[in-house]
Amino acid sequence: MRIAVLALILGLSGSVVADPATAPALIGHRGLLRDAPENTLTSFRACIELALGFEMDVRRTKDGVLTVLHDEKVDRTTDGMGKIAELSLADVQKLDAGRWFDPVFAGHRIPTLEAVFALLRERKANVLVAIDLKIDDPQYETDIVALAKKHQVLPQLVFIGRAIDEPVVRKKLSAADQTTNVCVLAQTAKDLLAAIADGDSNWVYARFVPSVEEGDAIRKAGKKLFLSGPAVNRHEQEYIRKEREIKADAMLTDFPLECRRLWR
């Protein structure tokens, strides 16, 4: 059953966000990558209709347009070849970004970041969106924040990727707008104190499943908890239940619908 049909059957609206008191806000990795071509408007639209957040990867074209693509090259997820940074927007928009996944998605394109932000605003989608910062570019962070403010969606974004372990990136995001939600990495429990003390972030990006006490310590420090990584994204009931028990604020996963079913 295709996700768009599933959304209609469930009768869900993108106006609902999981209550952190009961469950983390679920964020679909690259959208619903197991059910639709990753990082496409179709996948993001389905997330919104299913009241799920989503994660997306941001890169620039040769002519400077911010676009949504995971890989440095277009080879894996389109019918084209080459680095997106060496292709113009016109070149990119000619590529088929859906057929590789399933012929039913033929003709779907790599979206611009502006198109995704416009979708969020148009649908009045009250979902959390994780922005994976991919490139080193002097204006990159500033341009993304400015575009988000233009479409009035900055409050529902949280920045990950290069932000989590590069202080200079976090500083750029904070300088662009002090209200920007920025993550800092805690690879293990040993990193929590430093992550909590970091002055240019308001979220802790944990690549492990903290204890209830560690989750409480993060919240008492005024920060939110974002779960991600191999130790988190395991399709095992024990881990999925624990991730809810610690009352994390958000969780990035390849299995958002499975998590929701288990958390009912």
Protein backbone atom coordinates (compact mmCIF):
# COMPACT_ATOMS: atom_id res chain seq x y z
CA MET A 1 0.00 0.00 0.00
CA ARG A 2 1.48 3.32 -1.03
CA ILE A 3 2.03 5.93 1.67
CA ALA A 4 -0.27 8.54 0.10
CA VAL A 5 -3.14 6.05 0.21
CA LEU A 6 -2.22 5.11 3.76
CA ALA A 7 -2.38 8.75 4.81
CA LEU A 8 -5.87 9.11 3.39
CA ILE A 9 -7.08 5.94 5.08
CA LEU A 10 -5.74 7.04 8.45
CA GLY A 11 -7.35 10.45 8.00
CA LEU A 12 -4.33 12.10 9.57
CA SER A 13 -3.39 15.74 9.26
CA GLY A 14 0.09 17.20 9.50
CA SER A 15 -1.07 19.48 12.31
CA VAL A 16 -0.20 17.08 15.10
CA VAL A 17 3.17 16.65 16.79
CA ALA A 18 3.93 13.88 19.28
CA ASP A 19 3.76 15.08 22.87
CA PRO A 20 7.27 14.69 24.36
CA ALA A 21 5.61 13.79 27.67
CA THR A 22 4.48 10.54 26.06
CA ALA A 23 6.65 10.00 22.98
CA PRO A 24 9.47 11.64 21.01
CA ALA A 25 8.57 13.56 17.87
CA LEU A 26 9.28 11.03 15.13
CA ILE A 27 11.49 12.22 12.28
CA GLY A 28 11.63 10.11 9.14
CA HIS A 29 15.18 9.76 7.84
CA ARG A 30 15.23 11.45 4.39
CA GLY A 31 11.44 11.34 4.58
CA LEU A 32 9.88 7.90 4.40
CA LEU A 33 12.85 6.36 2.63
CA ARG A 34 11.53 2.81 2.87
CA ASP A 35 8.25 3.72 1.16
CA ALA A 36 9.05 6.54 -1.29
CA PRO A 37 12.08 8.02 -3.04
CA GLU A 38 14.21 9.76 -0.43
CA ASN A 39 14.48 13.54 -0.18
CA THR A 40 11.58 14.24 -2.52
CA LEU A 41 8.50 16.40 -2.07
CA THR A 42 6.35 13.28 -2.35
CA SER A 43 8.10 11.67 0.59
CA PHE A 44 7.96 14.85 2.67
CA ARG A 45 4.32 15.42 1.81
CA ALA A 46 3.49 11.91 2.99
CA CYS A 47 5.30 12.56 6.27
CA ILE A 48 3.25 15.70 6.81
CA GLU A 49 -0.03 13.88 6.09
CA LEU A 50 1.00 11.17 8.56
CA ALA A 51 1.92 13.76 11.22
CA LEU A 52 5.59 12.80 11.04
CA GLY A 53 8.60 15.05 10.94
CA PHE A 54 11.35 14.46 8.42
CA GLU A 55 15.07 14.93 7.90
CA MET A 56 16.63 16.33 4.74
CA ASP A 57 20.11 17.01 3.39
CA VAL A 58 20.97 20.39 1.89
CA ARG A 59 23.50 21.09 -0.89
CA ARG A 60 24.10 23.80 -3.48
CA THR A 61 23.96 23.66 -7.26
CA LYS A 62 26.67 25.18 -9.43
CA ASP A 63 24.66 28.40 -9.62
CA GLY A 64 24.21 28.57 -5.85
CA VAL A 65 20.66 27.28 -5.39
CA LEU A 66 20.01 25.34 -2.19
CA THR A 67 18.66 21.90 -3.04
CA VAL A 68 17.81 18.71 -1.16
CA LEU A 69 20.05 15.71 -1.87
CA HIS A 70 21.89 13.31 0.41
CA ASP A 71 24.88 12.35 -1.72
CA GLU A 72 27.55 14.61 -3.17
CA LYS A 73 26.72 13.10 -6.56
CA VAL A 74 23.33 12.63 -8.24
CA ASP A 75 24.25 9.15 -9.54
CA ARG A 76 22.57 6.96 -6.90
CA THR A 77 19.15 8.60 -6.71
CA THR A 78 18.62 10.01 -10.22
CA ASP A 79 19.15 9.07 -13.85
CA GLY A 80 22.00 11.58 -14.09
CA MET A 81 25.67 11.61 -13.21
CA GLY A 82 28.10 14.00 -11.56
CA LYS A 83 28.41 16.23 -8.52
CA ILE A 84 25.43 18.45 -7.82
CA ALA A 85 27.85 21.31 -7.12
CA GLU A 86 28.93 21.06 -10.78
CA LEU A 87 25.37 21.11 -12.18
CA SER A 88 23.12 24.12 -12.67
CA LEU A 89 19.62 24.18 -11.24
CA ALA A 90 18.28 23.81 -14.79
CA ASP A 91 20.39 20.67 -15.22
CA VAL A 92 19.25 19.26 -11.87
CA GLN A 93 15.58 19.86 -12.56
CA LYS A 94 15.77 17.70 -15.69
CA LEU A 95 16.82 14.64 -13.66
CA ASP A 96 14.38 11.90 -12.68
CA ALA A 97 14.69 11.35 -8.92
CA GLY A 98 11.91 8.79 -8.55
CA ARG A 99 12.13 6.01 -11.13
CA TRP A 100 15.18 4.42 -9.46
CA PHE A 101 12.98 3.68 -6.44
CA ASP A 102 9.88 2.51 -8.28
CA PRO A 103 8.49 3.28 -11.77
CA VAL A 104 5.33 4.69 -10.16
CA PHE A 105 7.46 7.65 -9.00
CA ALA A 106 8.92 8.40 -12.44
CA GLY A 107 9.26 12.10 -13.14
CA HIS A 108 9.75 13.20 -9.57
CA ARG A 109 12.52 15.76 -9.17
CA ILE A 110 15.21 16.86 -6.75
CA PRO A 111 13.47 19.66 -4.82
CA THR A 112 14.88 23.04 -3.97
CA LEU A 113 15.02 23.87 -0.28
CA GLU A 114 12.67 26.76 -0.93
CA ALA A 115 10.07 24.36 -2.36
CA VAL A 116 10.22 22.27 0.81
CA PHE A 117 9.86 25.30 3.06
CA ALA A 118 6.96 26.51 0.91
CA LEU A 119 5.31 23.10 1.34
CA LEU A 120 5.65 23.34 5.13
CA ARG A 121 4.10 26.78 5.17
CA GLU A 122 1.34 25.91 2.67
CA ARG A 123 0.30 22.81 4.60
CA LYS A 124 0.66 24.62 7.94
CA ALA A 125 2.65 21.57 8.93
CA ASN A 126 3.33 21.56 12.65
CA VAL A 127 6.05 18.93 12.38
CA LEU A 128 9.72 18.96 13.35
CA VAL A 129 12.19 19.04 10.45
CA ALA A 130 15.88 18.17 10.84
CA ILE A 131 18.24 19.99 8.49
CA ASP A 132 21.40 17.97 7.79
CA LEU A 133 24.11 20.46 6.88
CA LYS A 134 26.39 18.90 4.27
CA ILE A 135 28.79 21.47 2.85
CA ASP A 136 31.43 24.01 3.85
CA ASP A 137 30.30 27.33 2.40
CA PRO A 138 30.74 30.83 3.91
CA GLN A 139 27.09 31.82 3.35
CA TYR A 140 25.48 28.39 3.66
CA GLU A 141 24.10 28.58 7.20
CA THR A 142 23.07 32.22 6.87
CA ASP A 143 21.23 31.58 3.61
CA ILE A 144 19.32 28.59 5.00
CA VAL A 145 18.19 30.48 8.09
CA ALA A 146 17.17 33.50 5.99
CA LEU A 147 15.12 31.27 3.67
CA ALA A 148 13.45 29.60 6.65
CA LYS A 149 12.55 32.99 8.11
CA LYS A 150 11.15 34.11 4.74
CA HIS A 151 8.72 31.17 4.86
CA GLN A 152 8.16 31.50 8.62
CA VAL A 153 9.27 27.94 9.38
CA LEU A 154 12.48 28.53 11.38
CA PRO A 155 10.93 27.55 14.77
CA GLN A 156 10.16 24.03 13.55
CA LEU A 157 13.66 23.36 12.20
CA VAL A 158 16.51 21.75 14.10
CA PHE A 159 20.00 21.76 12.62
CA ILE A 160 22.20 18.65 12.59
CA GLY A 161 24.93 17.37 10.23
CA ARG A 162 28.08 19.50 10.40
CA ALA A 163 26.53 21.53 13.22
CA ILE A 164 26.76 18.73 15.75
CA ASP A 165 30.56 18.54 15.87
CA GLU A 166 31.80 21.83 14.37
CA PRO A 167 31.64 24.79 16.78
CA VAL A 168 32.10 27.32 13.97
CA VAL A 169 28.96 26.03 12.23
CA ARG A 170 26.92 26.32 15.44
CA LYS A 171 28.17 29.87 15.90
CA LYS A 172 27.14 30.79 12.35
CA LEU A 173 23.65 29.44 12.93
CA SER A 174 23.28 31.28 16.23
CA ALA A 175 24.60 34.48 14.65
CA ALA A 176 22.06 34.17 11.82
CA ASP A 177 19.24 34.07 14.39
CA GLN A 178 19.53 33.50 18.11
CA THR A 179 16.32 31.45 18.14
CA THR A 180 17.71 28.82 15.73
CA ASN A 181 17.49 25.27 17.09
CA VAL A 182 20.99 23.81 16.96
CA CYS A 183 22.25 20.38 18.02
CA VAL A 184 25.58 19.47 19.60
CA LEU A 185 26.91 15.91 19.62
CA ALA A 186 27.10 13.56 22.58
CA GLN A 187 28.59 10.41 21.10
CA THR A 188 28.50 8.62 24.47
CA ALA A 189 27.39 9.36 28.01
CA LYS A 190 30.90 10.67 28.72
CA ASP A 191 30.21 13.57 26.35
CA LEU A 192 27.01 14.76 28.01
CA LEU A 193 28.50 17.31 30.38
CA ALA A 194 30.37 19.06 27.56
CA ALA A 195 27.30 18.95 25.32
CA ILE A 196 25.09 20.42 28.03
CA ALA A 197 27.65 23.19 28.64
CA ASP A 198 27.96 24.13 24.95
CA GLY A 199 26.84 27.74 24.54
CA ASP A 200 25.86 27.67 20.87
CA SER A 201 23.30 24.86 20.99
CA ASN A 202 19.94 24.20 22.61
CA TRP A 203 19.61 20.52 21.66
CA VAL A 204 21.80 17.52 22.53
CA TYR A 205 22.25 15.07 19.66
CA ALA A 206 22.80 11.70 21.35
CA ARG A 207 24.13 8.74 19.37
CA PHE A 208 23.28 6.45 22.27
CA VAL A 209 20.15 5.87 24.31
CA PRO A 210 20.58 7.85 27.55
CA SER A 211 19.18 6.74 30.87
CA VAL A 212 16.11 8.41 32.32
CA GLU A 213 18.40 10.31 34.69
CA GLU A 214 20.61 11.53 31.83
CA GLY A 215 17.55 12.68 29.90
CA ASP A 216 16.35 14.56 32.95
CA ALA A 217 19.76 16.25 33.30
CA ILE A 218 19.57 17.50 29.71
CA ARG A 219 16.12 18.98 30.23
CA LYS A 220 17.05 20.54 33.58
CA ALA A 221 19.86 22.34 31.77
CA GLY A 222 17.28 23.86 29.43
CA LYS A 223 18.13 21.75 26.40
CA LYS A 224 16.18 19.20 24.39
CA LEU A 225 17.19 15.65 23.51
CA PHE A 226 17.54 14.45 19.91
CA LEU A 227 18.18 10.73 19.43
CA SER A 228 19.96 9.38 16.36
CA GLY A 229 22.64 6.99 15.15
CA PRO A 230 23.07 3.21 14.87
CA ALA A 231 22.50 2.57 18.58
CA VAL A 232 19.16 4.37 18.36
CA ASN A 233 17.85 3.40 14.95
CA ARG A 234 17.45 -0.31 15.70
CA HIS A 235 14.26 -2.03 14.66
CA GLU A 236 13.97 -3.84 17.98
CA GLN A 237 11.05 -3.49 20.36
CA GLU A 238 13.28 -3.22 23.43
CA TYR A 239 15.10 -0.17 22.06
CA ILE A 240 11.98 1.49 20.66
CA ARG A 241 10.22 1.22 24.03
CA LYS A 242 13.24 2.55 25.91
CA GLU A 243 13.48 5.56 23.62
CA ARG A 244 9.95 6.50 24.64
CA GLU A 245 10.54 5.85 28.33
CA ILE A 246 13.35 8.39 28.56
CA LYS A 247 11.01 11.08 27.16
CA ALA A 248 13.32 12.23 24.38
CA ASP A 249 12.08 15.25 22.45
CA ALA A 250 12.81 13.85 18.99
CA MET A 251 14.08 10.71 17.32
CA LEU A 252 15.50 10.30 13.82
CA THR A 253 14.68 6.86 12.45
CA ASP A 254 14.29 4.76 9.30
CA PHE A 255 11.24 3.17 10.95
CA PRO A 256 8.89 5.99 12.06
CA LEU A 257 5.64 4.14 11.33
CA GLU A 258 6.85 1.02 13.12
CA CYS A 259 7.77 3.12 16.16
CA ARG A 260 4.36 4.74 16.20
CA ARG A 261 2.62 1.37 16.06
CA LEU A 262 4.68 0.05 18.95
CA TRP A 263 4.05 3.18 21.02
CA ARG A 264 0.27 3.01 20.79
